[in-house]
């Protein structure tokens, strides 16, 4: 089927974005403590359907949904299989970025860097915008 033959686009709205994390507790702490999101309880998915859904054989995951600032994000941690985290560069595929809007980019940047801890000190977020009200970080 081509788009010419496809049904008309129904009414849709953005719901959430999901990110894979090697440490779900650290991700929750950062997004709650630094950015003011509220986490729901961490859940587990171990049934066969999650492997099919995620496209990863024998997958067992923990996940959490966080709400704040009019949006919703999800973090997923694979318990099995466990792959080594990679230090991806912005030029690689499957790398995402988030953009936050604020009236005080400098304060947000300082808060993010202070809350990121020493393990992320080398990956400073790019804070830019016009007129300096956007905070992009990769």
N, C-alpha and C. Protein backbone atom coordinates (compact mmCIF):
# COMPACT_ATOMS: atom_id res chain seq x y z
N UNK A 1 0.85 -1.17 0.00
CA UNK A 1 0.00 0.00 0.00
C UNK A 1 0.90 1.24 0.00
N UNK A 2 0.53 2.22 -0.79
CA UNK A 2 1.25 3.49 -0.81
C UNK A 2 0.44 4.52 -0.04
N UNK A 3 1.04 5.67 0.20
CA UNK A 3 0.30 6.74 0.88
C UNK A 3 -0.91 7.20 0.08
N UNK A 4 -0.84 7.06 -1.22
CA UNK A 4 -1.99 7.44 -2.05
C UNK A 4 -3.20 6.57 -1.70
N UNK A 5 -2.95 5.28 -1.42
CA UNK A 5 -4.02 4.33 -1.11
C UNK A 5 -4.35 4.27 0.38
N UNK A 6 -3.53 4.87 1.21
CA UNK A 6 -3.71 4.78 2.67
C UNK A 6 -4.87 5.65 3.12
N UNK A 7 -5.46 5.30 4.26
CA UNK A 7 -6.53 6.15 4.81
C UNK A 7 -5.99 7.53 5.15
N UNK A 8 -6.88 8.49 5.26
CA UNK A 8 -6.50 9.84 5.65
C UNK A 8 -5.88 9.81 7.05
N UNK A 9 -4.99 10.73 7.31
CA UNK A 9 -4.34 10.81 8.62
C UNK A 9 -5.37 11.15 9.68
N UNK A 10 -5.50 10.29 10.71
CA UNK A 10 -6.45 10.60 11.78
C UNK A 10 -5.89 11.69 12.68
N UNK A 11 -6.73 12.22 13.56
CA UNK A 11 -6.29 13.20 14.55
C UNK A 11 -5.29 12.53 15.48
N UNK A 12 -4.08 13.08 15.58
CA UNK A 12 -3.07 12.51 16.47
C UNK A 12 -2.46 13.61 17.33
N UNK A 13 -1.94 13.21 18.47
CA UNK A 13 -1.21 14.12 19.37
C UNK A 13 0.01 13.39 19.88
N UNK A 14 1.05 14.14 20.16
CA UNK A 14 2.26 13.55 20.73
C UNK A 14 1.95 13.09 22.14
N UNK A 15 2.35 11.86 22.48
CA UNK A 15 2.11 11.34 23.81
C UNK A 15 3.38 11.36 24.65
N UNK A 16 4.43 10.64 24.23
CA UNK A 16 5.66 10.62 25.01
C UNK A 16 6.82 10.16 24.15
N UNK A 17 8.02 10.34 24.67
CA UNK A 17 9.24 9.82 24.06
C UNK A 17 9.87 8.86 25.05
N UNK A 18 10.49 7.81 24.53
CA UNK A 18 11.13 6.82 25.39
C UNK A 18 12.62 6.75 25.10
N UNK A 19 13.39 6.51 26.15
CA UNK A 19 14.84 6.44 26.03
C UNK A 19 15.34 5.21 26.78
N UNK A 20 16.33 4.54 26.22
CA UNK A 20 16.97 3.41 26.88
C UNK A 20 18.04 3.97 27.81
N UNK A 21 18.10 3.45 29.03
CA UNK A 21 19.08 3.91 30.01
C UNK A 21 19.77 2.71 30.66
N UNK A 22 21.05 2.82 30.97
CA UNK A 22 21.71 1.72 31.67
C UNK A 22 21.44 1.73 33.18
N UNK A 23 20.88 2.83 33.70
CA UNK A 23 20.66 2.96 35.15
C UNK A 23 19.37 3.76 35.38
N UNK A 24 18.27 3.05 35.53
CA UNK A 24 16.97 3.70 35.63
C UNK A 24 16.84 4.58 36.87
N UNK A 25 17.43 4.14 37.99
CA UNK A 25 17.36 4.94 39.22
C UNK A 25 18.10 6.27 39.05
N UNK A 26 19.27 6.24 38.41
CA UNK A 26 20.03 7.48 38.18
C UNK A 26 19.26 8.41 37.24
N UNK A 27 18.63 7.84 36.23
CA UNK A 27 17.83 8.66 35.30
C UNK A 27 16.67 9.33 36.03
N UNK A 28 15.98 8.56 36.87
CA UNK A 28 14.85 9.10 37.63
C UNK A 28 15.33 10.22 38.55
N UNK A 29 16.43 9.98 39.27
CA UNK A 29 16.95 11.01 40.19
C UNK A 29 17.24 12.31 39.44
N UNK A 30 17.90 12.19 38.29
CA UNK A 30 18.25 13.39 37.52
C UNK A 30 16.99 14.14 37.09
N UNK A 31 16.05 13.44 36.48
CA UNK A 31 14.87 14.10 35.94
C UNK A 31 13.94 14.63 37.03
N UNK A 32 13.91 13.97 38.20
CA UNK A 32 13.12 14.50 39.31
C UNK A 32 13.85 15.64 40.02
N UNK A 33 15.07 15.39 40.46
CA UNK A 33 15.80 16.37 41.29
C UNK A 33 16.25 17.59 40.51
N UNK A 34 16.72 17.39 39.30
CA UNK A 34 17.30 18.50 38.52
C UNK A 34 16.25 19.21 37.69
N UNK A 35 15.35 18.45 37.04
CA UNK A 35 14.41 19.06 36.10
C UNK A 35 12.98 19.11 36.60
N UNK A 36 12.71 18.58 37.80
CA UNK A 36 11.39 18.75 38.40
C UNK A 36 10.29 17.86 37.87
N UNK A 37 10.62 16.74 37.23
CA UNK A 37 9.61 15.80 36.77
C UNK A 37 9.15 14.94 37.93
N UNK A 38 7.99 14.31 37.80
CA UNK A 38 7.48 13.39 38.81
C UNK A 38 7.39 11.99 38.21
N UNK A 39 8.10 11.06 38.84
CA UNK A 39 8.14 9.68 38.34
C UNK A 39 7.00 8.85 38.91
N UNK A 40 6.47 8.00 38.07
CA UNK A 40 5.55 6.97 38.52
C UNK A 40 6.40 5.81 39.06
N UNK A 41 5.81 4.83 39.72
CA UNK A 41 6.60 3.70 40.19
C UNK A 41 7.29 2.95 39.04
N UNK A 42 8.48 2.47 39.30
CA UNK A 42 9.21 1.69 38.29
C UNK A 42 8.51 0.35 38.13
N UNK A 43 8.25 -0.03 36.89
CA UNK A 43 7.58 -1.30 36.59
C UNK A 43 8.52 -2.27 35.91
N UNK A 44 8.09 -3.50 35.80
CA UNK A 44 8.88 -4.55 35.14
C UNK A 44 8.04 -5.21 34.06
N UNK A 45 8.70 -5.58 32.97
CA UNK A 45 8.05 -6.31 31.88
C UNK A 45 8.95 -7.50 31.56
N UNK A 46 8.42 -8.70 31.77
CA UNK A 46 9.22 -9.91 31.58
C UNK A 46 8.54 -10.93 30.66
N UNK A 47 7.35 -10.67 30.23
CA UNK A 47 6.61 -11.65 29.43
C UNK A 47 7.13 -11.68 27.99
N UNK A 48 6.74 -12.71 27.27
CA UNK A 48 7.24 -12.92 25.91
C UNK A 48 6.91 -11.75 24.97
N UNK A 49 5.77 -11.09 25.17
CA UNK A 49 5.39 -10.02 24.25
C UNK A 49 6.38 -8.87 24.24
N UNK A 50 7.09 -8.63 25.37
CA UNK A 50 8.01 -7.49 25.41
C UNK A 50 9.19 -7.72 24.47
N UNK A 51 9.64 -8.98 24.34
CA UNK A 51 10.72 -9.29 23.40
C UNK A 51 10.30 -8.96 21.98
N UNK A 52 9.08 -9.35 21.64
CA UNK A 52 8.57 -9.06 20.29
C UNK A 52 8.40 -7.55 20.10
N UNK A 53 7.81 -6.89 21.07
CA UNK A 53 7.56 -5.46 20.99
C UNK A 53 8.86 -4.66 20.86
N UNK A 54 9.87 -5.03 21.66
CA UNK A 54 11.15 -4.31 21.65
C UNK A 54 12.08 -4.78 20.53
N UNK A 55 11.77 -5.94 19.93
CA UNK A 55 12.64 -6.47 18.89
C UNK A 55 13.95 -7.02 19.45
N UNK A 56 13.93 -7.45 20.71
CA UNK A 56 15.13 -7.96 21.38
C UNK A 56 14.78 -9.32 21.99
N UNK A 57 15.39 -10.41 21.48
CA UNK A 57 15.09 -11.73 22.04
C UNK A 57 15.40 -11.81 23.53
N UNK A 58 14.56 -12.50 24.26
CA UNK A 58 14.72 -12.74 25.70
C UNK A 58 14.79 -11.46 26.52
N UNK A 59 14.10 -10.44 26.08
CA UNK A 59 14.15 -9.15 26.78
C UNK A 59 13.38 -9.20 28.10
N UNK A 60 13.99 -8.59 29.09
CA UNK A 60 13.37 -8.35 30.38
C UNK A 60 13.73 -6.91 30.73
N UNK A 61 12.72 -6.06 30.94
CA UNK A 61 13.00 -4.64 31.12
C UNK A 61 12.34 -4.09 32.37
N UNK A 62 12.90 -2.99 32.85
CA UNK A 62 12.28 -2.16 33.87
C UNK A 62 11.98 -0.84 33.17
N UNK A 63 10.87 -0.22 33.51
CA UNK A 63 10.53 1.04 32.87
C UNK A 63 9.85 1.97 33.85
N UNK A 64 9.92 3.25 33.51
CA UNK A 64 9.30 4.27 34.35
C UNK A 64 8.81 5.41 33.45
N UNK A 65 7.68 5.97 33.82
CA UNK A 65 7.13 7.13 33.13
C UNK A 65 7.27 8.33 34.06
N UNK A 66 7.72 9.44 33.51
CA UNK A 66 7.89 10.68 34.27
C UNK A 66 7.05 11.77 33.62
N UNK A 67 6.42 12.59 34.46
CA UNK A 67 5.54 13.65 33.98
C UNK A 67 6.02 14.99 34.53
N UNK A 68 5.97 16.00 33.67
CA UNK A 68 6.31 17.33 34.12
C UNK A 68 6.34 18.32 32.99
N UNK A 69 6.10 19.56 33.31
CA UNK A 69 6.20 20.66 32.35
C UNK A 69 5.33 20.42 31.11
N UNK A 70 4.20 19.77 31.32
CA UNK A 70 3.26 19.55 30.21
C UNK A 70 3.65 18.43 29.27
N UNK A 71 4.58 17.56 29.68
CA UNK A 71 4.99 16.47 28.81
C UNK A 71 5.22 15.19 29.61
N UNK A 72 5.58 14.14 28.91
CA UNK A 72 5.69 12.80 29.49
C UNK A 72 6.85 12.10 28.80
N UNK A 73 7.78 11.57 29.58
CA UNK A 73 8.88 10.80 29.02
C UNK A 73 8.93 9.43 29.70
N UNK A 74 9.60 8.49 29.05
CA UNK A 74 9.71 7.13 29.57
C UNK A 74 11.17 6.70 29.49
N UNK A 75 11.64 6.02 30.52
CA UNK A 75 12.96 5.41 30.51
C UNK A 75 12.81 3.92 30.63
N UNK A 76 13.62 3.19 29.86
CA UNK A 76 13.61 1.73 29.83
C UNK A 76 15.02 1.25 30.12
N UNK A 77 15.14 0.32 31.06
CA UNK A 77 16.42 -0.31 31.38
C UNK A 77 16.29 -1.80 31.08
N UNK A 78 17.18 -2.33 30.25
CA UNK A 78 17.18 -3.75 29.96
C UNK A 78 17.89 -4.49 31.10
N UNK A 79 17.18 -5.42 31.74
CA UNK A 79 17.82 -6.31 32.70
C UNK A 79 18.50 -7.45 31.94
N UNK A 80 17.81 -7.96 30.91
CA UNK A 80 18.39 -8.93 29.98
C UNK A 80 17.88 -8.63 28.59
N UNK A 81 18.68 -8.76 27.58
CA UNK A 81 20.12 -8.91 27.69
C UNK A 81 20.75 -7.59 28.11
N UNK A 82 21.91 -7.65 28.72
CA UNK A 82 22.62 -6.44 29.12
C UNK A 82 23.77 -6.21 28.14
N UNK A 83 23.67 -5.14 27.40
CA UNK A 83 24.73 -4.75 26.50
C UNK A 83 25.54 -3.64 27.15
N UNK A 84 26.77 -3.51 26.75
CA UNK A 84 27.60 -2.44 27.28
C UNK A 84 27.11 -1.10 26.74
N UNK A 85 26.99 -0.08 27.60
CA UNK A 85 26.62 1.25 27.11
C UNK A 85 27.70 1.77 26.16
N UNK A 86 27.28 2.54 25.20
CA UNK A 86 28.22 3.13 24.25
C UNK A 86 28.22 4.64 24.43
N UNK A 87 29.34 5.23 24.14
CA UNK A 87 29.45 6.69 24.17
C UNK A 87 29.19 7.19 22.74
N UNK A 88 27.94 7.40 22.44
CA UNK A 88 27.56 7.81 21.09
C UNK A 88 27.91 9.27 20.84
N UNK A 89 28.23 9.56 19.59
CA UNK A 89 28.48 10.94 19.18
C UNK A 89 27.21 11.48 18.51
N UNK A 90 27.07 12.77 18.51
CA UNK A 90 25.87 13.39 17.94
C UNK A 90 25.70 13.07 16.46
N UNK A 91 26.79 12.75 15.76
CA UNK A 91 26.71 12.48 14.33
C UNK A 91 26.26 11.05 14.01
N UNK A 92 26.12 10.21 15.03
CA UNK A 92 25.70 8.83 14.80
C UNK A 92 24.18 8.72 14.77
N UNK A 93 23.72 7.72 14.03
CA UNK A 93 22.29 7.45 14.00
C UNK A 93 21.80 6.99 15.36
N UNK A 94 20.52 7.12 15.61
CA UNK A 94 19.88 6.72 16.86
C UNK A 94 20.29 7.56 18.06
N UNK A 95 20.85 8.71 17.83
CA UNK A 95 21.16 9.65 18.92
C UNK A 95 20.06 10.69 18.92
N UNK A 96 19.53 10.98 20.08
CA UNK A 96 18.42 11.92 20.19
C UNK A 96 18.88 13.20 20.87
N UNK A 97 18.09 14.21 20.73
CA UNK A 97 18.32 15.42 21.53
C UNK A 97 16.98 15.92 22.03
N UNK A 98 17.03 16.61 23.15
CA UNK A 98 15.85 17.21 23.73
C UNK A 98 16.04 18.71 23.74
N UNK A 99 14.96 19.42 23.61
CA UNK A 99 15.01 20.87 23.65
C UNK A 99 14.02 21.36 24.70
N UNK A 100 14.54 22.11 25.65
CA UNK A 100 13.71 22.70 26.69
C UNK A 100 13.64 24.20 26.46
N UNK A 101 12.54 24.81 26.81
CA UNK A 101 12.39 26.25 26.66
C UNK A 101 12.40 26.87 28.05
N UNK A 102 13.20 27.92 28.21
CA UNK A 102 13.31 28.60 29.50
C UNK A 102 13.68 30.06 29.27
N UNK A 103 13.33 30.89 30.21
CA UNK A 103 13.71 32.30 30.14
C UNK A 103 15.12 32.51 30.68
N UNK A 104 15.70 31.51 31.37
CA UNK A 104 17.02 31.66 31.96
C UNK A 104 17.89 30.45 31.61
N UNK A 105 18.43 30.47 30.40
CA UNK A 105 19.25 29.37 29.90
C UNK A 105 20.47 29.14 30.78
N UNK A 106 21.11 30.21 31.23
CA UNK A 106 22.31 30.05 32.04
C UNK A 106 22.02 29.33 33.35
N UNK A 107 20.92 29.65 34.01
CA UNK A 107 20.56 28.98 35.26
C UNK A 107 20.23 27.51 35.01
N UNK A 108 19.51 27.23 33.93
CA UNK A 108 19.17 25.84 33.62
C UNK A 108 20.44 25.05 33.30
N UNK A 109 21.34 25.62 32.52
CA UNK A 109 22.60 24.94 32.18
C UNK A 109 23.38 24.63 33.46
N UNK A 110 23.50 25.60 34.35
CA UNK A 110 24.24 25.38 35.60
C UNK A 110 23.59 24.28 36.43
N UNK A 111 22.27 24.27 36.48
CA UNK A 111 21.55 23.24 37.25
C UNK A 111 21.76 21.86 36.64
N UNK A 112 21.68 21.77 35.32
CA UNK A 112 21.88 20.48 34.64
C UNK A 112 23.30 19.98 34.88
N UNK A 113 24.29 20.83 34.72
CA UNK A 113 25.67 20.41 34.94
C UNK A 113 25.93 20.04 36.39
N UNK A 114 25.35 20.77 37.32
CA UNK A 114 25.53 20.45 38.74
C UNK A 114 24.87 19.12 39.09
N UNK A 115 23.73 18.84 38.50
CA UNK A 115 23.01 17.62 38.80
C UNK A 115 23.46 16.41 38.02
N UNK A 116 24.25 16.61 36.96
CA UNK A 116 24.68 15.48 36.14
C UNK A 116 25.75 14.65 36.82
N UNK A 117 26.51 15.24 37.73
CA UNK A 117 27.55 14.49 38.44
C UNK A 117 28.82 14.36 37.64
N UNK A 118 29.86 13.85 38.28
CA UNK A 118 31.18 13.80 37.65
C UNK A 118 31.25 12.87 36.44
N UNK A 119 30.38 11.85 36.35
CA UNK A 119 30.46 10.93 35.22
C UNK A 119 30.00 11.54 33.92
N UNK A 120 29.35 12.69 33.98
CA UNK A 120 28.88 13.33 32.75
C UNK A 120 29.52 14.69 32.52
N UNK A 121 30.53 15.01 33.27
CA UNK A 121 31.13 16.34 33.18
C UNK A 121 31.69 16.61 31.80
N UNK A 122 32.11 15.58 31.08
CA UNK A 122 32.69 15.79 29.76
C UNK A 122 31.67 16.00 28.67
N UNK A 123 30.39 15.81 28.94
CA UNK A 123 29.38 15.96 27.90
C UNK A 123 28.45 17.11 28.25
N UNK A 124 29.00 18.29 28.23
CA UNK A 124 28.22 19.48 28.58
C UNK A 124 27.09 19.69 27.59
N UNK A 125 25.92 20.00 28.08
CA UNK A 125 24.82 20.26 27.17
C UNK A 125 25.05 21.56 26.40
N UNK A 126 24.63 21.55 25.16
CA UNK A 126 24.70 22.74 24.34
C UNK A 126 23.47 23.58 24.67
N UNK A 127 23.69 24.75 25.16
CA UNK A 127 22.59 25.62 25.53
C UNK A 127 22.60 26.83 24.61
N UNK A 128 21.66 26.87 23.72
CA UNK A 128 21.63 27.96 22.77
C UNK A 128 20.20 28.24 22.38
N UNK A 129 20.00 29.32 21.72
CA UNK A 129 18.67 29.62 21.26
C UNK A 129 18.57 31.04 20.76
N UNK A 130 17.47 31.33 20.18
CA UNK A 130 17.23 32.68 19.71
C UNK A 130 15.79 33.01 20.03
N UNK A 131 15.53 33.90 20.90
CA UNK A 131 16.48 34.73 21.65
C UNK A 131 16.87 34.09 22.98
N UNK A 132 17.85 33.25 23.01
CA UNK A 132 18.40 32.56 24.18
C UNK A 132 17.32 32.02 25.13
N UNK A 133 16.34 31.39 24.55
CA UNK A 133 15.30 30.82 25.42
C UNK A 133 15.14 29.32 25.20
N UNK A 134 16.04 28.71 24.46
CA UNK A 134 16.01 27.29 24.24
C UNK A 134 17.23 26.63 24.86
N UNK A 135 17.05 25.46 25.40
CA UNK A 135 18.15 24.68 25.93
C UNK A 135 18.13 23.32 25.24
N UNK A 136 19.04 23.12 24.31
CA UNK A 136 19.17 21.84 23.62
C UNK A 136 20.24 21.04 24.31
N UNK A 137 20.00 19.76 24.55
CA UNK A 137 21.08 18.92 25.01
C UNK A 137 20.99 17.54 24.39
N UNK A 138 22.17 17.03 24.05
CA UNK A 138 22.28 15.76 23.32
C UNK A 138 22.82 14.72 24.26
